[in-house]
Each structure stands twice: as C-alpha cells, then as structure tokens.
C-alpha cells in the first residue's frame, strides 16, 4: 500500500494534494510503488484521463493484504478521493478494505467502495428491473457446479438462449450464447463464478444492431457514441468496419452527440434519469439500445466502462475531440463539487 505524490515527468511541479486516486487489486500483495512491476489495477476505468490536469494527484494503492500491513495511507490535506477500483467481481476484498479505510474520511469520496460493490451485473438488474420504459435482461450468478447453476437459473426464472460470461469480464469477452441447459453445463467449471444473462435479440428493422453509450459525471450526462454493427455484440471496432458506408448512421450518431441526452425521445430521457437516480454511483456509464417504442434495452450500467480510445478515422472526427471536451468539463465539475448527485429513488 502506498500514498505518493505524482506528476507528469514534463510537468516539473508539485501536485496540490487536493485530490487522491484510489487504486488497488485483489491480485496484488504488499507495498507497491508508482510505475513499479507490482502495481496492479485491474477492473478499473480510464475516466481519470478526462481531467484537465490528469497528472495532478496523490496515489493511494491498497493491496489485498491491506489488513496485515503496519502502515496506512496518509490522507491529511486530501479533500476528494476518486475511487478507480470499479469492478466488484475482480476486487471484492480490496473494495472492502477501502470502505473501512474511508469510513471516517471527512472529505468527498467519488464512487464510494460500498456503492461499487452494489454495482455488479446481477445487483444492477435487481435495482432497475421494475423501472417503466426499461427492459433489463435477467441475470443469474452461480459457481460452476450443475446444482448451483440449476438453482440460480430457477430463482431468476431464466430462459434460454442466454449469454454466459465469467464474472468480472468486460469488452464483450463471453463464454458464449448458450442455447440450452445442456450446453451451459458443458462449458462451466467448478472453480469459476459465472453470470448468465437473458439473451434479448432486438435488431433494428434493417437487421442492424446499435449501442449507445452515455456517461454520467455527477448529474451531467455525456453521450459517448452510437455504434452500429451487423452483429448483436456491438463494439468499437465495428465503427470503422460497418459505419463508413452508411451515411445515415453517421448522421444519426453526429446528431445524437451534438444534441446530447436532449436529442433522445422524452420517454427515453426519463428512463435514463431514472437509472441515474437508482444507482448510487457518482460516475458511471450505461450501454443501451433505443427501441422503436422509445423503450430502452439495457446492456449494462457500471463504473468500469472506458471512455477511450477514440477513432482516428476522419469520418468520425465529431466523436473525438468535441466529445472529450464536453466530458472533460463534466468531469472537472464533478470533482470540484459543482454538481450534486441525485438522491437514490
């Protein structure tokens, strides 16, 4: 564990110490030093890069054996802590230690560890499944043992086909779409925790799929992108593979980014604000599809989503620097405390 001042090598100045970043990993033991080989931070987000001064911070690094270490981070002079340990499935122990450490911290904590622990896929399903205008696919969690899988599937009233993934994986990294129970049992291992998500297949009338990503920084929404693909699992690489020859899709994304959340139908806006109110996170992303009836099909909502990388294709310049500028202003306002998070409904 360490608390260290850091600046960019070219900056050549001492950071203010007003803000600290919370890093850590359940895979890292003992004291770690900035830039050293033992520094791990899996299950995190890159939104810290949006700060106007991203190199001005104190680093607080918590290892999994935090409770056995003799020293504790020095938090004197720290006004705000930005928690960058954002995946509860990858780092549950570190998040628990972080919550204990910050229990008596008098300053602001953005994305408290306890809030992150309540943002797993199955927890988000439970928090949002009754919202009007929102379709949330069912989620079942289980260890890879047939009786446990069967019990979890029964509790969730899960139907096949369903998407099987290892808990704590992202970026479309899935085991596969399981057509039935027998296929599921053939893929699971007893030492792994899995998440099974109902497969909701809702392409547009033209057979294409789309995914909108919106970030909330405090109470400021920022549209990151509207991607289109000929495959149900839409990813950033699909932009340059599918969209260049579809001018109408480029126009739709451009208009949505320029207009922000207000460019969505009023019913969809209400649903997104309802999600914002239900989730006790200060910053997080939502991946979703807008359906023809203005309902929202939720893919995921969590703080582990990345904002970068940006496309370098000239056709998509509108989705680069202008979006970053908007998000940077929102990020700075959140850290400065200019925007208050809405109360949880």
Protein backbone atom coordinates (compact mmCIF):
# COMPACT_ATOMS: atom_id res chain seq x y z
CA UNK A 1 0.00 0.00 0.00
CA UNK A 2 1.27 3.46 -0.77
CA UNK A 3 0.32 7.09 -0.78
CA UNK A 4 2.54 9.00 -3.17
CA UNK A 5 2.53 12.37 -4.91
CA UNK A 6 2.72 12.05 -8.67
CA UNK A 7 3.14 14.46 -11.54
CA UNK A 8 3.83 14.04 -15.21
CA UNK A 9 7.55 13.97 -15.90
CA UNK A 10 7.25 17.02 -18.10
CA UNK A 11 5.15 18.97 -15.61
CA UNK A 12 8.04 19.59 -13.22
CA UNK A 13 5.84 20.81 -10.37
CA UNK A 14 4.41 19.58 -7.12
CA UNK A 15 0.74 18.47 -7.16
CA UNK A 16 -1.76 20.26 -4.98
CA UNK A 17 -2.68 17.16 -2.99
CA UNK A 18 -6.32 18.16 -3.10
CA UNK A 19 -7.39 15.03 -4.93
CA UNK A 20 -6.25 11.43 -4.46
CA UNK A 21 -6.83 8.44 -6.74
CA UNK A 22 -7.69 5.13 -5.14
CA UNK A 23 -6.07 2.17 -6.89
CA UNK A 24 -5.77 -1.50 -5.95
CA UNK A 25 -6.20 -5.12 -6.95
CA UNK A 26 -7.08 -8.40 -5.27
CA UNK A 27 -4.11 -9.87 -7.15
CA UNK A 28 -1.51 -7.54 -5.65
CA UNK A 29 0.12 -8.16 -2.27
CA UNK A 30 2.26 -5.83 -0.19
CA UNK A 31 3.59 -2.37 -0.80
CA UNK A 32 3.59 -1.16 -4.38
CA UNK A 33 5.34 1.83 -5.92
CA UNK A 34 4.12 4.01 -8.76
CA UNK A 35 5.40 2.61 -12.02
CA UNK A 36 6.78 -0.50 -10.33
CA UNK A 37 6.16 -4.08 -11.50
CA UNK A 38 3.88 -4.82 -8.53
CA UNK A 39 1.41 -2.05 -9.34
CA UNK A 40 -1.90 -3.60 -10.40
CA UNK A 41 -5.24 -2.00 -11.03
CA UNK A 42 -7.40 -4.48 -12.94
CA UNK A 43 -11.10 -3.81 -13.01
CA UNK A 44 -10.88 -0.06 -13.44
CA UNK A 45 -11.87 2.77 -15.75
CA UNK A 46 -9.89 5.33 -17.73
CA UNK A 47 -12.10 8.35 -16.95
CA UNK A 48 -9.31 9.91 -14.84
CA UNK A 49 -7.67 10.79 -18.17
CA UNK A 50 -10.51 13.23 -18.78
CA UNK A 51 -9.34 15.59 -16.04
CA UNK A 52 -7.95 18.88 -17.28
CA UNK A 53 -4.87 18.14 -15.16
CA UNK A 54 -4.74 14.32 -15.14
CA UNK A 55 -1.22 14.14 -13.69
CA UNK A 56 -2.02 16.18 -10.58
CA UNK A 57 -2.98 13.70 -7.87
CA UNK A 58 -1.96 11.64 -4.88
CA UNK A 59 -1.96 7.88 -5.34
CA UNK A 60 -3.49 5.61 -2.70
CA UNK A 61 -2.80 1.97 -3.52
CA UNK A 62 -4.49 -0.78 -1.49
CA UNK A 63 -3.30 -4.40 -1.79
CA UNK A 64 -5.39 -7.45 -0.94
CA UNK A 65 -3.44 -8.00 2.31
CA UNK A 66 -4.08 -4.42 3.47
CA UNK A 67 -5.23 -5.60 6.91
CA UNK A 68 -1.83 -7.14 7.68
CA UNK A 69 0.22 -4.10 6.76
CA UNK A 70 1.59 -1.91 9.54
CA UNK A 71 1.24 1.46 7.84
CA UNK A 72 -1.84 3.25 6.48
CA UNK A 73 -2.19 5.88 3.75
CA UNK A 74 -1.76 9.46 4.93
CA UNK A 75 -4.93 11.31 3.95
CA UNK A 76 -4.15 14.65 5.57
CA UNK A 77 -4.75 17.51 3.17
CA UNK A 78 -6.81 15.34 0.81
CA UNK A 79 -10.18 16.90 0.03
CA UNK A 80 -11.51 14.48 -2.60
CA UNK A 81 -10.85 10.82 -3.36
CA UNK A 82 -11.61 9.45 -6.81
CA UNK A 83 -12.15 5.71 -6.45
CA UNK A 84 -10.78 3.97 -9.54
CA UNK A 85 -11.36 0.44 -8.20
CA UNK A 86 -14.59 -0.05 -10.10
CA UNK A 87 -15.18 -3.78 -10.55
CA UNK A 88 -16.60 -5.59 -7.52
CA UNK A 89 -16.21 -9.03 -9.10
CA UNK A 90 -12.48 -8.62 -9.68
CA UNK A 91 -11.61 -6.78 -6.47
CA UNK A 92 -14.14 -7.53 -3.70
CA UNK A 93 -11.57 -7.77 -0.90
CA UNK A 94 -9.73 -4.58 -1.81
CA UNK A 95 -13.05 -2.71 -2.03
CA UNK A 96 -13.97 -3.91 1.46
CA UNK A 97 -10.64 -2.70 2.83
CA UNK A 98 -11.08 0.61 1.03
CA UNK A 99 -14.52 1.10 2.56
CA UNK A 100 -13.07 0.55 6.02
CA UNK A 101 -10.22 2.96 5.36
CA UNK A 102 -12.58 5.70 4.18
CA UNK A 103 -15.25 5.20 6.83
CA UNK A 104 -14.04 8.18 8.85
CA UNK A 105 -12.58 10.20 5.96
CA UNK A 106 -14.12 13.70 6.25
CA UNK A 107 -13.74 14.66 2.60
CA UNK A 108 -15.63 13.66 -0.54
CA UNK A 109 -15.37 10.16 -2.00
CA UNK A 110 -16.46 9.79 -5.61
CA UNK A 111 -17.84 6.28 -6.13
CA UNK A 112 -17.62 5.00 -2.59
CA UNK A 113 -16.35 1.40 -2.46
CA UNK A 114 -19.68 0.24 -0.98
CA UNK A 115 -21.52 1.73 -3.95
CA UNK A 116 -19.18 -0.05 -6.36
CA UNK A 117 -19.82 -3.34 -4.52
CA UNK A 118 -23.53 -2.82 -5.24
CA UNK A 119 -22.98 -2.37 -9.00
CA UNK A 120 -22.40 -5.94 -10.22
CA UNK A 121 -24.50 -7.06 -13.18
CA UNK A 122 -26.90 -9.03 -11.02
CA UNK A 123 -27.19 -6.23 -8.45
CA UNK A 124 -27.95 -3.70 -11.19
CA UNK A 125 -30.65 -5.99 -12.56
CA UNK A 126 -32.32 -6.10 -9.16
CA UNK A 127 -32.04 -2.34 -8.76
CA UNK A 128 -33.52 -1.49 -12.15
CA UNK A 129 -35.78 -4.35 -13.26
CA UNK A 130 -39.02 -2.60 -12.24
CA UNK A 131 -38.38 0.73 -13.96
CA UNK A 132 -41.06 1.68 -16.52
CA UNK A 133 -39.75 2.03 -20.04
CA UNK A 134 -36.70 -0.12 -19.34
CA UNK A 135 -36.04 -3.67 -20.48
CA UNK A 136 -33.43 -5.27 -18.23
CA UNK A 137 -32.40 -8.81 -19.21
CA UNK A 138 -32.48 -11.25 -16.29
CA UNK A 139 -29.18 -12.18 -14.65
CA UNK A 140 -28.23 -15.28 -12.65
CA UNK A 141 -24.98 -15.70 -10.68
CA UNK A 142 -23.55 -19.09 -9.71
CA UNK A 143 -20.41 -21.10 -9.15
CA UNK A 144 -19.73 -23.56 -11.96
CA UNK A 145 -21.42 -26.58 -10.40
CA UNK A 146 -24.56 -28.07 -12.00
CA UNK A 147 -26.83 -27.97 -8.90
CA UNK A 148 -25.81 -24.38 -8.15
CA UNK A 149 -26.38 -23.36 -11.76
CA UNK A 150 -29.81 -25.00 -11.81
CA UNK A 151 -30.82 -23.33 -8.56
CA UNK A 152 -29.71 -19.87 -9.76
CA UNK A 153 -31.47 -20.30 -13.11
CA UNK A 154 -34.67 -21.32 -11.33
CA UNK A 155 -34.51 -18.35 -8.92
CA UNK A 156 -34.05 -15.94 -11.80
CA UNK A 157 -36.73 -17.66 -13.90
CA UNK A 158 -34.11 -17.66 -16.65
CA UNK A 159 -34.94 -18.86 -20.13
CA UNK A 160 -32.58 -19.89 -22.90
CA UNK A 161 -30.83 -18.80 -25.02
CA UNK A 162 -28.67 -16.91 -22.53
CA UNK A 163 -25.23 -15.28 -22.53
CA UNK A 164 -22.63 -16.98 -20.32
CA UNK A 165 -19.68 -14.96 -19.07
CA UNK A 166 -17.13 -15.24 -16.30
CA UNK A 167 -17.91 -12.74 -13.54
CA UNK A 168 -15.66 -9.70 -13.81
CA UNK A 169 -15.05 -9.86 -17.57
CA UNK A 170 -15.81 -6.99 -19.95
CA UNK A 171 -15.32 -5.81 -23.55
CA UNK A 172 -17.61 -8.49 -24.95
CA UNK A 173 -15.48 -11.28 -23.51
CA UNK A 174 -18.07 -14.05 -23.14
CA UNK A 175 -18.00 -17.82 -22.95
CA UNK A 176 -20.81 -17.90 -25.50
CA UNK A 177 -24.54 -17.80 -26.09
CA UNK A 178 -25.91 -20.96 -24.54
CA UNK A 179 -28.90 -22.39 -26.46
CA UNK A 180 -29.99 -24.68 -23.61
CA UNK A 181 -29.08 -26.06 -20.18
CA UNK A 182 -27.02 -28.95 -21.54
CA UNK A 183 -24.74 -26.58 -23.47
CA UNK A 184 -24.31 -24.47 -20.35
CA UNK A 185 -23.29 -27.44 -18.20
CA UNK A 186 -20.74 -28.49 -20.82
CA UNK A 187 -18.94 -25.13 -20.51
CA UNK A 188 -18.80 -24.43 -16.78
CA UNK A 189 -16.02 -25.24 -14.30
CA UNK A 190 -16.47 -25.64 -10.56
CA UNK A 191 -13.80 -23.13 -9.55
CA UNK A 192 -15.26 -20.21 -11.52
CA UNK A 193 -18.13 -17.82 -10.78
CA UNK A 194 -20.37 -17.16 -13.77
CA UNK A 195 -23.05 -14.71 -14.79
CA UNK A 196 -25.82 -15.86 -17.08
CA UNK A 197 -27.78 -13.10 -18.84
CA UNK A 198 -31.00 -13.49 -20.75
CA UNK A 199 -30.35 -13.03 -24.49
CA UNK A 200 -32.70 -10.39 -25.86
CA UNK A 201 -32.35 -10.23 -29.63
CA UNK A 202 -33.78 -6.90 -30.85
CA UNK A 203 -32.19 -5.75 -34.13
CA UNK A 204 -33.49 -2.71 -35.99
CA UNK A 205 -35.83 -3.12 -38.95
CA UNK A 206 -32.82 -3.13 -41.29
CA UNK A 207 -31.25 -6.03 -39.42
CA UNK A 208 -28.52 -3.92 -37.83
CA UNK A 209 -27.80 -3.55 -34.14
CA UNK A 210 -26.85 -0.34 -32.37
CA UNK A 211 -25.42 0.58 -28.99
CA UNK A 212 -25.49 3.98 -27.34
CA UNK A 213 -23.07 4.73 -24.52
CA UNK A 214 -23.82 7.56 -22.12
CA UNK A 215 -21.74 8.59 -19.13
CA UNK A 216 -22.96 10.38 -16.06
CA UNK A 217 -20.47 12.58 -14.23
CA UNK A 218 -22.43 13.61 -11.17
CA UNK A 219 -25.64 14.87 -12.72
CA UNK A 220 -24.12 15.73 -16.10
CA UNK A 221 -24.87 13.26 -18.93
CA UNK A 222 -22.45 12.93 -21.85
CA UNK A 223 -23.19 10.85 -24.95
CA UNK A 224 -20.02 8.97 -25.90
CA UNK A 225 -21.16 7.20 -29.06
CA UNK A 226 -23.87 5.45 -31.05
CA UNK A 227 -22.25 2.46 -32.71
CA UNK A 228 -23.79 0.22 -35.37
CA UNK A 229 -22.99 -3.38 -36.23
CA UNK A 230 -24.30 -6.32 -38.18
CA UNK A 231 -23.63 -8.44 -35.08
CA UNK A 232 -25.59 -8.43 -31.81
CA UNK A 233 -22.48 -7.79 -29.70
CA UNK A 234 -21.60 -4.24 -30.77
CA UNK A 235 -18.05 -2.98 -30.20
CA UNK A 236 -15.83 -0.04 -31.04
CA UNK A 237 -14.12 -1.93 -33.87
CA UNK A 238 -17.49 -2.16 -35.62
CA UNK A 239 -17.49 1.60 -36.21
CA UNK A 240 -14.86 1.56 -38.93
CA UNK A 241 -15.92 -1.83 -40.25
CA UNK A 242 -19.63 -1.13 -40.66
CA UNK A 243 -20.38 2.59 -40.50
CA UNK A 244 -18.25 4.32 -43.20
CA UNK A 245 -20.60 3.23 -46.00
CA UNK A 246 -23.75 4.11 -44.05
CA UNK A 247 -24.12 7.87 -44.18
CA UNK A 248 -27.47 7.77 -42.42
CA UNK A 249 -25.95 6.05 -39.39
CA UNK A 250 -23.12 8.57 -39.24
CA UNK A 251 -25.70 11.37 -39.38
CA UNK A 252 -27.67 9.79 -36.52
CA UNK A 253 -24.62 9.50 -34.33
CA UNK A 254 -23.45 13.00 -35.14
CA UNK A 255 -26.88 14.45 -34.26
CA UNK A 256 -27.06 12.48 -31.00
CA UNK A 257 -23.61 13.54 -29.87
CA UNK A 258 -24.29 17.17 -30.76
CA UNK A 259 -27.69 17.20 -29.05
CA UNK A 260 -26.76 15.12 -26.03
CA UNK A 261 -29.40 13.42 -23.92
CA UNK A 262 -31.94 16.03 -25.08
CA UNK A 263 -31.71 14.55 -28.60
CA UNK A 264 -33.34 11.34 -27.33
CA UNK A 265 -37.12 10.94 -27.11
CA UNK A 266 -38.57 12.37 -23.87
CA UNK A 267 -39.58 8.92 -22.60
CA UNK A 268 -36.04 7.60 -23.10
CA UNK A 269 -34.62 10.65 -21.32
CA UNK A 270 -36.90 9.98 -18.35
CA UNK A 271 -35.73 6.37 -18.22
CA UNK A 272 -32.06 7.32 -18.25
CA UNK A 273 -32.59 9.87 -15.46
CA UNK A 274 -34.44 7.18 -13.50
CA UNK A 275 -31.42 4.87 -13.88
CA UNK A 276 -29.20 7.76 -12.73
CA UNK A 277 -31.37 8.15 -9.63
CA UNK A 278 -31.43 4.44 -8.79
CA UNK A 279 -27.70 3.76 -8.95
CA UNK A 280 -25.70 5.17 -6.02
CA UNK A 281 -22.60 5.86 -8.13
CA UNK A 282 -21.14 9.31 -8.73
CA UNK A 283 -19.84 8.45 -12.18
CA UNK A 284 -20.68 5.51 -14.42
CA UNK A 285 -21.61 4.53 -17.95
CA UNK A 286 -24.72 3.00 -19.48
CA UNK A 287 -24.75 0.90 -22.64
CA UNK A 288 -28.17 0.54 -24.20
CA UNK A 289 -30.24 0.36 -27.37
CA UNK A 290 -33.17 2.66 -28.11
CA UNK A 291 -36.12 0.60 -29.32
CA UNK A 292 -38.78 1.78 -31.81
CA UNK A 293 -41.32 2.31 -28.99
CA UNK A 294 -38.81 4.54 -27.15
CA UNK A 295 -38.17 1.86 -24.55
CA UNK A 296 -34.55 1.30 -23.56
CA UNK A 297 -32.93 -2.11 -23.74
CA UNK A 298 -30.18 -2.14 -21.12
CA UNK A 299 -26.92 -3.90 -21.88
CA UNK A 300 -25.00 -2.84 -18.78
CA UNK A 301 -24.54 0.03 -16.34
CA UNK A 302 -21.40 0.31 -14.22
CA UNK A 303 -18.36 2.43 -13.40
CA UNK A 304 -15.85 0.16 -15.15
CA UNK A 305 -16.64 1.42 -18.66
CA UNK A 306 -13.83 3.11 -20.54
CA UNK A 307 -14.12 6.43 -22.34
CA UNK A 308 -11.14 5.85 -24.61
CA UNK A 309 -9.79 5.04 -27.21
CA UNK A 310 -11.04 7.45 -29.84
CA UNK A 311 -11.42 6.72 -33.53
CA UNK A 312 -8.79 8.31 -35.74
CA UNK A 313 -10.89 7.92 -38.90
CA UNK A 314 -11.62 11.37 -40.38
CA UNK A 315 -15.29 10.49 -40.91
CA UNK A 316 -15.75 10.31 -37.14
CA UNK A 317 -13.90 13.43 -36.03
CA UNK A 318 -17.16 14.66 -34.47
CA UNK A 319 -16.92 11.72 -31.99
CA UNK A 320 -13.40 12.63 -30.89
CA UNK A 321 -12.16 15.95 -29.55
CA UNK A 322 -15.62 17.58 -29.18
CA UNK A 323 -16.87 14.70 -27.03
CA UNK A 324 -13.72 14.71 -24.91
CA UNK A 325 -14.08 18.46 -24.34
CA UNK A 326 -17.66 18.02 -23.14
CA UNK A 327 -16.74 15.10 -20.89
CA UNK A 328 -13.69 16.89 -19.51
CA UNK A 329 -15.80 19.84 -18.42
CA UNK A 330 -18.28 17.47 -16.77
CA UNK A 331 -15.50 15.53 -15.04
CA UNK A 332 -13.90 18.70 -13.70
CA UNK A 333 -17.24 19.99 -12.41
CA UNK A 334 -17.92 16.71 -10.63
CA UNK A 335 -14.53 16.69 -8.93
CA UNK A 336 -14.90 20.34 -7.97
CA UNK A 337 -18.25 19.54 -6.38
CA UNK A 338 -20.22 21.78 -8.73
CA UNK A 339 -22.80 19.07 -9.46
CA UNK A 340 -24.61 17.09 -6.80
CA UNK A 341 -25.68 13.50 -7.41
CA UNK A 342 -29.43 12.99 -7.31
CA UNK A 343 -30.88 11.08 -4.39
CA UNK A 344 -31.43 7.37 -4.91
CA UNK A 345 -35.09 6.70 -5.68
